[in-house]
Amino acid sequence: MSGPPSNYLIYDGECPFCSRFARLTKLRETVGELRLIDARERSPEVIAAKESGFVLDNGMLLLLNGQSYYGADCLNRLALLSSRSALFNQLTYALLRHRWVSTWAYPILRFGRSVALKLLGRKQLGY
Protein backbone atom coordinates (compact mmCIF):
# COMPACT_ATOMS: atom_id res chain seq x y z
CA MET A 1 0.00 0.00 0.00
CA SER A 2 1.44 3.37 -0.96
CA GLY A 3 0.93 6.67 0.83
CA PRO A 4 0.02 10.02 -0.66
CA PRO A 5 2.23 11.29 -3.46
CA SER A 6 5.38 12.92 -2.19
CA ASN A 7 5.39 15.48 -4.99
CA TYR A 8 3.28 18.59 -4.56
CA LEU A 9 2.94 22.25 -5.41
CA ILE A 10 1.69 24.72 -2.80
CA TYR A 11 0.16 27.87 -4.29
CA ASP A 12 -2.35 30.56 -3.32
CA GLY A 13 -5.72 29.27 -4.44
CA GLU A 14 -7.33 32.72 -4.24
CA CYS A 15 -4.76 34.31 -6.53
CA PRO A 16 -6.09 34.12 -10.09
CA PHE A 17 -2.58 34.06 -11.55
CA CYS A 18 -1.24 31.38 -9.20
CA SER A 19 -4.30 29.17 -9.68
CA ARG A 20 -4.23 29.40 -13.46
CA PHE A 21 -0.50 28.85 -13.65
CA ALA A 22 -0.68 25.79 -11.39
CA ARG A 23 -3.41 24.23 -13.51
CA LEU A 24 -2.21 25.24 -16.96
CA THR A 25 1.36 23.95 -16.70
CA LYS A 26 0.05 20.38 -17.01
CA LEU A 27 2.81 19.03 -14.79
CA ARG A 28 1.19 15.64 -14.37
CA GLU A 29 1.94 14.90 -18.02
CA THR A 30 5.68 15.14 -17.36
CA VAL A 31 6.09 14.56 -13.61
CA GLY A 32 3.42 11.97 -12.94
CA GLU A 33 1.61 12.19 -9.64
CA LEU A 34 1.65 15.70 -8.27
CA ARG A 35 -0.79 17.19 -5.79
CA LEU A 36 -1.84 20.82 -6.14
CA ILE A 37 -2.30 22.22 -2.64
CA ASP A 38 -4.05 25.50 -1.90
CA ALA A 39 -1.98 27.32 0.74
CA ARG A 40 -5.19 28.66 2.27
CA GLU A 41 -6.37 25.17 3.27
CA ARG A 42 -3.77 24.77 6.04
CA SER A 43 -2.94 21.19 5.10
CA PRO A 44 -0.11 19.32 6.87
CA GLU A 45 2.14 20.24 3.93
CA VAL A 46 1.32 23.94 4.31
CA ILE A 47 1.96 23.80 8.05
CA ALA A 48 5.27 21.98 7.47
CA ALA A 49 6.31 24.55 4.85
CA LYS A 50 5.58 27.39 7.25
CA GLU A 51 7.47 25.66 10.07
CA SER A 52 10.42 25.19 7.70
CA GLY A 53 10.57 28.95 7.17
CA PHE A 54 8.90 29.26 3.77
CA VAL A 55 6.81 32.44 3.50
CA LEU A 56 4.03 31.36 1.16
CA ASP A 57 2.94 34.97 0.60
CA ASN A 58 6.29 35.44 -1.12
CA GLY A 59 6.31 32.38 -3.32
CA MET A 60 4.97 29.05 -4.44
CA LEU A 61 6.66 25.91 -3.16
CA LEU A 62 7.30 22.80 -5.21
CA LEU A 63 8.43 19.61 -3.50
CA LEU A 64 9.67 17.21 -6.13
CA ASN A 65 11.45 13.96 -5.34
CA GLY A 66 12.46 15.28 -1.92
CA GLN A 67 13.86 18.57 -3.27
CA SER A 68 12.23 21.93 -2.46
CA TYR A 69 11.94 24.72 -5.03
CA TYR A 70 10.63 28.07 -3.82
CA GLY A 71 9.81 31.41 -5.41
CA ALA A 72 11.81 32.13 -8.57
CA ASP A 73 13.45 28.69 -8.40
CA CYS A 74 9.98 27.11 -8.29
CA LEU A 75 8.87 29.14 -11.29
CA ASN A 76 11.99 28.10 -13.22
CA ARG A 77 11.57 24.42 -12.30
CA LEU A 78 7.88 24.48 -13.26
CA ALA A 79 8.77 25.93 -16.66
CA LEU A 80 11.38 23.23 -17.21
CA LEU A 81 8.99 20.46 -16.17
CA SER A 82 5.82 21.64 -17.86
CA SER A 83 4.39 19.81 -20.81
CA ARG A 84 5.02 21.45 -24.19
CA SER A 85 1.61 20.28 -25.43
CA ALA A 86 -0.10 23.68 -25.28
CA LEU A 87 0.81 27.21 -26.30
CA PHE A 88 0.82 28.43 -22.68
CA ASN A 89 3.37 25.78 -21.73
CA GLN A 90 5.53 26.47 -24.77
CA LEU A 91 5.61 30.18 -23.91
CA THR A 92 6.30 29.48 -20.24
CA TYR A 93 9.18 27.22 -21.20
CA ALA A 94 10.61 29.69 -23.72
CA LEU A 95 10.50 32.59 -21.27
CA LEU A 96 11.21 31.07 -17.87
CA ARG A 97 13.54 28.14 -18.57
CA HIS A 98 16.49 30.41 -17.87
CA ARG A 99 17.04 30.91 -14.15
CA TRP A 100 18.10 34.54 -14.59
CA VAL A 101 14.81 35.35 -16.36
CA SER A 102 12.79 33.69 -13.60
CA THR A 103 14.80 35.53 -10.95
CA TRP A 104 14.25 38.86 -12.71
CA ALA A 105 10.55 38.27 -13.45
CA TYR A 106 9.50 36.82 -10.10
CA PRO A 107 9.33 40.09 -8.10
CA ILE A 108 7.22 41.62 -10.87
CA LEU A 109 4.86 38.62 -10.84
CA ARG A 110 4.67 38.74 -7.04
CA PHE A 111 3.76 42.44 -7.21
CA GLY A 112 1.06 41.61 -9.77
CA ARG A 113 -0.32 39.00 -7.37
CA SER A 114 -0.50 41.57 -4.55
CA VAL A 115 -2.30 44.07 -6.77
CA ALA A 116 -4.74 41.43 -8.06
CA LEU A 117 -5.59 40.26 -4.54
CA LYS A 118 -6.18 43.84 -3.42
CA LEU A 119 -8.38 44.65 -6.43
CA LEU A 120 -10.40 41.47 -5.86
CA GLY A 121 -10.84 42.26 -2.15
CA ARG A 122 -8.87 39.20 -1.08
CA LYS A 123 -6.34 39.13 1.75
CA GLN A 124 -2.73 38.00 1.65
CA LEU A 125 -2.06 34.64 3.27
CA GLY A 126 -0.36 36.24 6.26
CA TYR A 127 2.37 33.57 6.36
C-alpha atoms as a PDB file:
ATOM      1  CA  MET A   1       0.000   0.000   0.000  1.00  0.00           C
ATOM      2  CA  SER A   2       1.437   3.373  -0.960  1.00  0.00           C
ATOM      3  CA  GLY A   3       0.926   6.672   0.832  1.00  0.00           C
ATOM      4  CA  PRO A   4       0.020  10.018  -0.660  1.00  0.00           C
ATOM      5  CA  PRO A   5       2.235  11.289  -3.455  1.00  0.00           C
ATOM      6  CA  SER A   6       5.377  12.923  -2.187  1.00  0.00           C
ATOM      7  CA  ASN A   7       5.390  15.478  -4.992  1.00  0.00           C
ATOM      8  CA  TYR A   8       3.278  18.586  -4.565  1.00  0.00           C
ATOM      9  CA  LEU A   9       2.938  22.248  -5.412  1.00  0.00           C
ATOM     10  CA  ILE A  10       1.688  24.725  -2.803  1.00  0.00           C
ATOM     11  CA  TYR A  11       0.162  27.869  -4.287  1.00  0.00           C
ATOM     12  CA  ASP A  12      -2.347  30.564  -3.325  1.00  0.00           C
ATOM     13  CA  GLY A  13      -5.722  29.269  -4.440  1.00  0.00           C
ATOM     14  CA  GLU A  14      -7.328  32.724  -4.237  1.00  0.00           C
ATOM     15  CA  CYS A  15      -4.762  34.315  -6.530  1.00  0.00           C
ATOM     16  CA  PRO A  16      -6.094  34.123 -10.089  1.00  0.00           C
ATOM     17  CA  PHE A  17      -2.579  34.064 -11.548  1.00  0.00           C
ATOM     18  CA  CYS A  18      -1.240  31.377  -9.199  1.00  0.00           C
ATOM     19  CA  SER A  19      -4.298  29.165  -9.682  1.00  0.00           C
ATOM     20  CA  ARG A  20      -4.234  29.398 -13.463  1.00  0.00           C
ATOM     21  CA  PHE A  21      -0.502  28.848 -13.645  1.00  0.00           C
ATOM     22  CA  ALA A  22      -0.675  25.788 -11.387  1.00  0.00           C
ATOM     23  CA  ARG A  23      -3.413  24.235 -13.506  1.00  0.00           C
ATOM     24  CA  LEU A  24      -2.207  25.242 -16.964  1.00  0.00           C
ATOM     25  CA  THR A  25       1.361  23.949 -16.700  1.00  0.00           C
ATOM     26  CA  LYS A  26       0.054  20.378 -17.008  1.00  0.00           C
ATOM     27  CA  LEU A  27       2.809  19.032 -14.789  1.00  0.00           C
ATOM     28  CA  ARG A  28       1.188  15.645 -14.370  1.00  0.00           C
ATOM     29  CA  GLU A  29       1.945  14.902 -18.020  1.00  0.00           C
ATOM     30  CA  THR A  30       5.677  15.141 -17.358  1.00  0.00           C
ATOM     31  CA  VAL A  31       6.090  14.561 -13.608  1.00  0.00           C
ATOM     32  CA  GLY A  32       3.419  11.972 -12.936  1.00  0.00           C
ATOM     33  CA  GLU A  33       1.606  12.192  -9.641  1.00  0.00           C
ATOM     34  CA  LEU A  34       1.651  15.702  -8.270  1.00  0.00           C
ATOM     35  CA  ARG A  35      -0.792  17.194  -5.793  1.00  0.00           C
ATOM     36  CA  LEU A  36      -1.838  20.816  -6.142  1.00  0.00           C
ATOM     37  CA  ILE A  37      -2.298  22.224  -2.640  1.00  0.00           C
ATOM     38  CA  ASP A  38      -4.046  25.497  -1.903  1.00  0.00           C
ATOM     39  CA  ALA A  39      -1.980  27.318   0.737  1.00  0.00           C
ATOM     40  CA  ARG A  40      -5.190  28.658   2.270  1.00  0.00           C
ATOM     41  CA  GLU A  41      -6.368  25.174   3.266  1.00  0.00           C
ATOM     42  CA  ARG A  42      -3.767  24.771   6.040  1.00  0.00           C
ATOM     43  CA  SER A  43      -2.940  21.188   5.103  1.00  0.00           C
ATOM     44  CA  PRO A  44      -0.113  19.317   6.874  1.00  0.00           C
ATOM     45  CA  GLU A  45       2.142  20.242   3.927  1.00  0.00           C
ATOM     46  CA  VAL A  46       1.318  23.944   4.311  1.00  0.00           C
ATOM     47  CA  ILE A  47       1.963  23.798   8.051  1.00  0.00           C
ATOM     48  CA  ALA A  48       5.275  21.982   7.474  1.00  0.00           C
ATOM     49  CA  ALA A  49       6.310  24.553   4.847  1.00  0.00           C
ATOM     50  CA  LYS A  50       5.580  27.391   7.253  1.00  0.00           C
ATOM     51  CA  GLU A  51       7.468  25.657  10.065  1.00  0.00           C
ATOM     52  CA  SER A  52      10.417  25.192   7.698  1.00  0.00           C
ATOM     53  CA  GLY A  53      10.574  28.951   7.168  1.00  0.00           C
ATOM     54  CA  PHE A  54       8.904  29.259   3.767  1.00  0.00           C
ATOM     55  CA  VAL A  55       6.815  32.435   3.498  1.00  0.00           C
ATOM     56  CA  LEU A  56       4.032  31.364   1.158  1.00  0.00           C
ATOM     57  CA  ASP A  57       2.938  34.967   0.595  1.00  0.00           C
ATOM     58  CA  ASN A  58       6.295  35.441  -1.118  1.00  0.00           C
ATOM     59  CA  GLY A  59       6.309  32.378  -3.322  1.00  0.00           C
ATOM     60  CA  MET A  60       4.973  29.045  -4.437  1.00  0.00           C
ATOM     61  CA  LEU A  61       6.664  25.906  -3.155  1.00  0.00           C
ATOM     62  CA  LEU A  62       7.299  22.797  -5.208  1.00  0.00           C
ATOM     63  CA  LEU A  63       8.426  19.613  -3.501  1.00  0.00           C
ATOM     64  CA  LEU A  64       9.672  17.209  -6.131  1.00  0.00           C
ATOM     65  CA  ASN A  65      11.452  13.963  -5.341  1.00  0.00           C
ATOM     66  CA  GLY A  66      12.463  15.283  -1.923  1.00  0.00           C
ATOM     67  CA  GLN A  67      13.864  18.571  -3.272  1.00  0.00           C
ATOM     68  CA  SER A  68      12.235  21.927  -2.464  1.00  0.00           C
ATOM     69  CA  TYR A  69      11.942  24.717  -5.027  1.00  0.00           C
ATOM     70  CA  TYR A  70      10.630  28.066  -3.817  1.00  0.00           C
ATOM     71  CA  GLY A  71       9.808  31.414  -5.410  1.00  0.00           C
ATOM     72  CA  ALA A  72      11.810  32.131  -8.569  1.00  0.00           C
ATOM     73  CA  ASP A  73      13.446  28.688  -8.401  1.00  0.00           C
ATOM     74  CA  CYS A  74       9.985  27.106  -8.288  1.00  0.00           C
ATOM     75  CA  LEU A  75       8.874  29.135 -11.293  1.00  0.00           C
ATOM     76  CA  ASN A  76      11.989  28.097 -13.216  1.00  0.00           C
ATOM     77  CA  ARG A  77      11.565  24.425 -12.299  1.00  0.00           C
ATOM     78  CA  LEU A  78       7.876  24.480 -13.264  1.00  0.00           C
ATOM     79  CA  ALA A  79       8.772  25.935 -16.656  1.00  0.00           C
ATOM     80  CA  LEU A  80      11.381  23.226 -17.206  1.00  0.00           C
ATOM     81  CA  LEU A  81       8.986  20.461 -16.174  1.00  0.00           C
ATOM     82  CA  SER A  82       5.821  21.644 -17.863  1.00  0.00           C
ATOM     83  CA  SER A  83       4.390  19.813 -20.814  1.00  0.00           C
ATOM     84  CA  ARG A  84       5.021  21.447 -24.185  1.00  0.00           C
ATOM     85  CA  SER A  85       1.614  20.280 -25.432  1.00  0.00           C
ATOM     86  CA  ALA A  86      -0.097  23.677 -25.282  1.00  0.00           C
ATOM     87  CA  LEU A  87       0.815  27.210 -26.297  1.00  0.00           C
ATOM     88  CA  PHE A  88       0.820  28.430 -22.675  1.00  0.00           C
ATOM     89  CA  ASN A  89       3.368  25.775 -21.731  1.00  0.00           C
ATOM     90  CA  GLN A  90       5.530  26.472 -24.767  1.00  0.00           C
ATOM     91  CA  LEU A  91       5.612  30.182 -23.905  1.00  0.00           C
ATOM     92  CA  THR A  92       6.300  29.477 -20.241  1.00  0.00           C
ATOM     93  CA  TYR A  93       9.181  27.219 -21.197  1.00  0.00           C
ATOM     94  CA  ALA A  94      10.607  29.691 -23.724  1.00  0.00           C
ATOM     95  CA  LEU A  95      10.505  32.590 -21.269  1.00  0.00           C
ATOM     96  CA  LEU A  96      11.209  31.069 -17.872  1.00  0.00           C
ATOM     97  CA  ARG A  97      13.542  28.143 -18.574  1.00  0.00           C
ATOM     98  CA  HIS A  98      16.488  30.414 -17.869  1.00  0.00           C
ATOM     99  CA  ARG A  99      17.043  30.908 -14.151  1.00  0.00           C
ATOM    100  CA  TRP A 100      18.097  34.543 -14.591  1.00  0.00           C
ATOM    101  CA  VAL A 101      14.808  35.354 -16.364  1.00  0.00           C
ATOM    102  CA  SER A 102      12.793  33.687 -13.604  1.00  0.00           C
ATOM    103  CA  THR A 103      14.798  35.533 -10.951  1.00  0.00           C
ATOM    104  CA  TRP A 104      14.251  38.864 -12.712  1.00  0.00           C
ATOM    105  CA  ALA A 105      10.554  38.268 -13.446  1.00  0.00           C
ATOM    106  CA  TYR A 106       9.503  36.825 -10.097  1.00  0.00           C
ATOM    107  CA  PRO A 107       9.329  40.093  -8.098  1.00  0.00           C
ATOM    108  CA  ILE A 108       7.219  41.617 -10.870  1.00  0.00           C
ATOM    109  CA  LEU A 109       4.864  38.617 -10.842  1.00  0.00           C
ATOM    110  CA  ARG A 110       4.672  38.736  -7.043  1.00  0.00           C
ATOM    111  CA  PHE A 111       3.758  42.441  -7.209  1.00  0.00           C
ATOM    112  CA  GLY A 112       1.056  41.605  -9.774  1.00  0.00           C
ATOM    113  CA  ARG A 113      -0.325  38.999  -7.366  1.00  0.00           C
ATOM    114  CA  SER A 114      -0.505  41.571  -4.555  1.00  0.00           C
ATOM    115  CA  VAL A 115      -2.305  44.072  -6.771  1.00  0.00           C
ATOM    116  CA  ALA A 116      -4.741  41.430  -8.065  1.00  0.00           C
ATOM    117  CA  LEU A 117      -5.592  40.257  -4.537  1.00  0.00           C
ATOM    118  CA  LYS A 118      -6.177  43.843  -3.419  1.00  0.00           C
ATOM    119  CA  LEU A 119      -8.383  44.646  -6.430  1.00  0.00           C
ATOM    120  CA  LEU A 120     -10.400  41.473  -5.859  1.00  0.00           C
ATOM    121  CA  GLY A 121     -10.841  42.260  -2.152  1.00  0.00           C
ATOM    122  CA  ARG A 122      -8.869  39.204  -1.078  1.00  0.00           C
ATOM    123  CA  LYS A 123      -6.344  39.131   1.746  1.00  0.00           C
ATOM    124  CA  GLN A 124      -2.729  38.003   1.654  1.00  0.00           C
ATOM    125  CA  LEU A 125      -2.061  34.639   3.268  1.00  0.00           C
ATOM    126  CA  GLY A 126      -0.359  36.238   6.260  1.00  0.00           C
ATOM    127  CA  TYR A 127       2.369  33.571   6.360  1.00  0.00           C
END
